[in-house]
Amino acid sequence: MSQKGKLPELQILNSNNLTEQFHGRVLEFLNHGCSAQFCMIWFSPATKFGKREVMATDSLLKFNPKGCLMILSKSMDSGSGYRILKPLLDGGFKVKALTPDLPFLVKNTPAETWLQEL
């Protein structure tokens, strides 16, 4: 395939220490008596998680105080992401950013073949 027709490498597809720990980290997080489980996907840089997103997250958790919110995001699963979420954590809310393991998430689904072909 020519350079022009080649797909760009997507960083989210690369494995690292956090992606390999994904399943265990999810199970550990959800093992804290969640009355409801919510999942958000965040592809943008952590710096783009602004006031609007924090307010939406805060509202969700205020109306579901015993709920758990997982944010699937490589950028939010970082020091800067933690600083953004810290006020919610200090408020007693259960929120955690996790770097997703895409091969694990799509295993045994039609998307598994698609991902392998990338």
Protein backbone atom coordinates (compact mmCIF):
# COMPACT_ATOMS: atom_id res chain seq x y z
CA MET A 1 0.00 0.00 0.00
CA SER A 2 1.37 3.42 -0.84
CA GLN A 3 2.28 5.86 1.93
CA LYS A 4 -0.72 7.96 0.93
CA GLY A 5 -3.13 5.01 1.34
CA LYS A 6 -1.63 3.81 4.63
CA LEU A 7 -3.73 4.23 7.74
CA PRO A 8 -2.13 6.33 10.46
CA GLU A 9 -1.10 4.45 13.59
CA LEU A 10 -3.55 5.13 16.36
CA GLN A 11 -1.97 5.49 19.80
CA ILE A 12 -5.11 4.11 21.45
CA LEU A 13 -4.44 0.74 19.81
CA ASN A 14 -1.00 0.37 21.38
CA SER A 15 -0.70 -1.82 24.47
CA ASN A 16 1.09 -0.64 27.57
CA ASN A 17 1.16 -1.44 31.27
CA LEU A 18 -2.18 0.29 31.92
CA THR A 19 -4.04 -1.47 29.10
CA GLU A 20 -2.79 -4.84 30.35
CA GLN A 21 -4.21 -4.05 33.81
CA PHE A 22 -7.55 -2.84 32.44
CA HIS A 23 -9.77 -5.81 33.36
CA GLY A 24 -8.43 -6.04 36.92
CA ARG A 25 -8.73 -2.30 37.47
CA VAL A 26 -12.36 -2.33 36.26
CA LEU A 27 -13.28 -5.23 38.55
CA GLU A 28 -11.56 -3.58 41.51
CA PHE A 29 -13.35 -0.28 40.88
CA LEU A 30 -16.80 -1.81 40.43
CA ASN A 31 -16.39 -3.89 43.59
CA HIS A 32 -17.30 -0.90 45.77
CA GLY A 33 -21.08 -1.30 46.00
CA CYS A 34 -22.20 0.69 42.97
CA SER A 35 -25.97 1.17 42.77
CA ALA A 36 -25.57 2.05 39.09
CA GLN A 37 -22.67 1.78 36.68
CA PHE A 38 -21.93 4.47 34.10
CA CYS A 39 -19.33 4.56 31.37
CA MET A 40 -17.98 7.57 29.49
CA ILE A 41 -15.53 7.45 26.60
CA TRP A 42 -13.14 10.39 26.29
CA PHE A 43 -10.84 10.49 23.24
CA SER A 44 -9.71 14.11 23.55
CA PRO A 45 -6.75 15.38 25.56
CA ALA A 46 -7.37 15.72 29.30
CA THR A 47 -6.99 19.50 28.95
CA LYS A 48 -10.21 19.53 26.88
CA PHE A 49 -12.18 18.04 29.80
CA GLY A 50 -13.46 21.44 30.88
CA LYS A 51 -16.05 23.03 33.14
CA ARG A 52 -18.98 21.71 31.08
CA GLU A 53 -17.77 18.11 31.32
CA VAL A 54 -17.01 18.43 35.04
CA MET A 55 -20.48 19.91 35.65
CA ALA A 56 -22.15 17.11 33.66
CA THR A 57 -20.18 14.50 35.60
CA ASP A 58 -21.00 16.23 38.89
CA SER A 59 -24.73 16.31 38.02
CA LEU A 60 -24.75 12.63 37.06
CA LEU A 61 -23.11 11.64 40.32
CA LYS A 62 -25.22 13.99 42.49
CA PHE A 63 -28.37 12.31 41.16
CA ASN A 64 -26.75 8.87 41.54
CA PRO A 65 -24.61 9.31 44.66
CA LYS A 66 -23.91 5.59 45.01
CA GLY A 67 -23.25 5.17 41.30
CA CYS A 68 -19.85 4.53 39.76
CA LEU A 69 -18.55 6.32 36.67
CA MET A 70 -15.73 4.84 34.60
CA ILE A 71 -14.13 7.19 32.10
CA LEU A 72 -12.42 5.14 29.40
CA SER A 73 -9.61 7.42 28.36
CA LYS A 74 -5.87 7.22 27.97
CA SER A 75 -5.51 10.98 28.47
CA MET A 76 -7.67 11.12 31.61
CA ASP A 77 -5.87 8.12 33.14
CA SER A 78 -2.97 10.41 33.99
CA GLY A 79 -1.79 12.92 36.56
CA SER A 80 -3.58 15.78 34.83
CA GLY A 81 -6.76 13.70 34.54
CA TYR A 82 -6.57 12.89 38.25
CA ARG A 83 -6.24 16.59 39.09
CA ILE A 84 -9.35 17.32 37.01
CA LEU A 85 -11.35 14.58 38.76
CA LYS A 86 -9.99 15.24 42.27
CA PRO A 87 -12.81 17.63 43.32
CA LEU A 88 -15.33 14.89 42.45
CA LEU A 89 -13.31 12.31 44.36
CA ASP A 90 -13.00 14.69 47.33
CA GLY A 91 -16.80 15.02 47.21
CA GLY A 92 -17.06 11.28 47.83
CA PHE A 93 -18.06 10.34 44.30
CA LYS A 94 -16.89 7.10 42.72
CA VAL A 95 -15.24 8.09 39.46
CA LYS A 96 -12.18 6.57 37.83
CA ALA A 97 -10.40 7.11 34.54
CA LEU A 98 -9.08 3.92 32.96
CA THR A 99 -6.94 3.38 29.87
CA PRO A 100 -9.02 0.92 27.83
CA ASP A 101 -7.73 -2.36 26.45
CA LEU A 102 -9.47 -2.37 23.07
CA PRO A 103 -8.60 -5.99 22.16
CA PHE A 104 -10.16 -7.10 25.46
CA LEU A 105 -13.27 -4.96 24.95
CA VAL A 106 -13.99 -6.26 21.45
CA LYS A 107 -13.04 -9.91 22.08
CA ASN A 108 -15.64 -12.31 20.64
CA THR A 109 -17.52 -9.51 18.87
CA PRO A 110 -17.65 -8.59 15.17
CA ALA A 111 -15.30 -5.71 15.96
CA GLU A 112 -12.52 -8.14 16.91
CA THR A 113 -11.86 -9.01 13.26
CA TRP A 114 -12.01 -5.35 12.27
CA LEU A 115 -9.45 -4.44 14.94
CA GLN A 116 -7.12 -7.25 13.91
CA GLU A 117 -7.24 -6.07 10.28
CA LEU A 118 -6.18 -2.54 11.22
